[in-house]
Amino acid sequence: MAYYGVLRRTGGEEFDVANAARWELDWWQLRRENVGAKQYGLIIAQNTSAIFHVDGPDILTAGLLRADAMQYRDEHGRGDMRERDWAFIQEELARSYQALHAAINPLKTPAFESSTCAMTRGDQ
C-alpha cells in the first residue's frame, strides 16, 4: 500500500489507496496462477482507470498490452531471452504507455517512442 500512498501524495491524483493496492495484489496473484494475460490485464486496466479517473478503450488497451508484455517475458524468460525478445517487450510497453497517455491526455498527441522505455537485459 505504501507505493500507492506515495503515488497519491506526489502524483496529484485522488484515488482509493487501499483499493488500488488490492487490485495490484489481485493481478499479481492471477499472474502467479498462470491465467491468461487478458484476465490480469483487465484488472490492470481497472486499477489504472480508478487511479486516473478515466475509462475507455485506451485504458483497456494499456492494461492488456502491459499484461501481454509480462506474459511474453514469463514464457520466454527461462534463460532464453534474446535481443529480439527484449525488443518485443519494449515495443509492447511503449504501445501500452502510448495508449495510457492518450487516455489521460486525449487532446495531446503522444510523443512516445520505443527508446523512451529502453530496457536492459534482466529488467522486468
Foldseek 3Di string as FASTA:
>chain_A
DVVLVCCCVPVVWDADSVVLVVLVVVLVVVVVVVDDLLVNLVSQLVSLCRRLVFDDDLSSLLSSLLSVLVVLCVVCVPPRDDPVNQLSSLVSNQSSVQSSCCRNPVVDHDPTDSVVRRDDPPDD
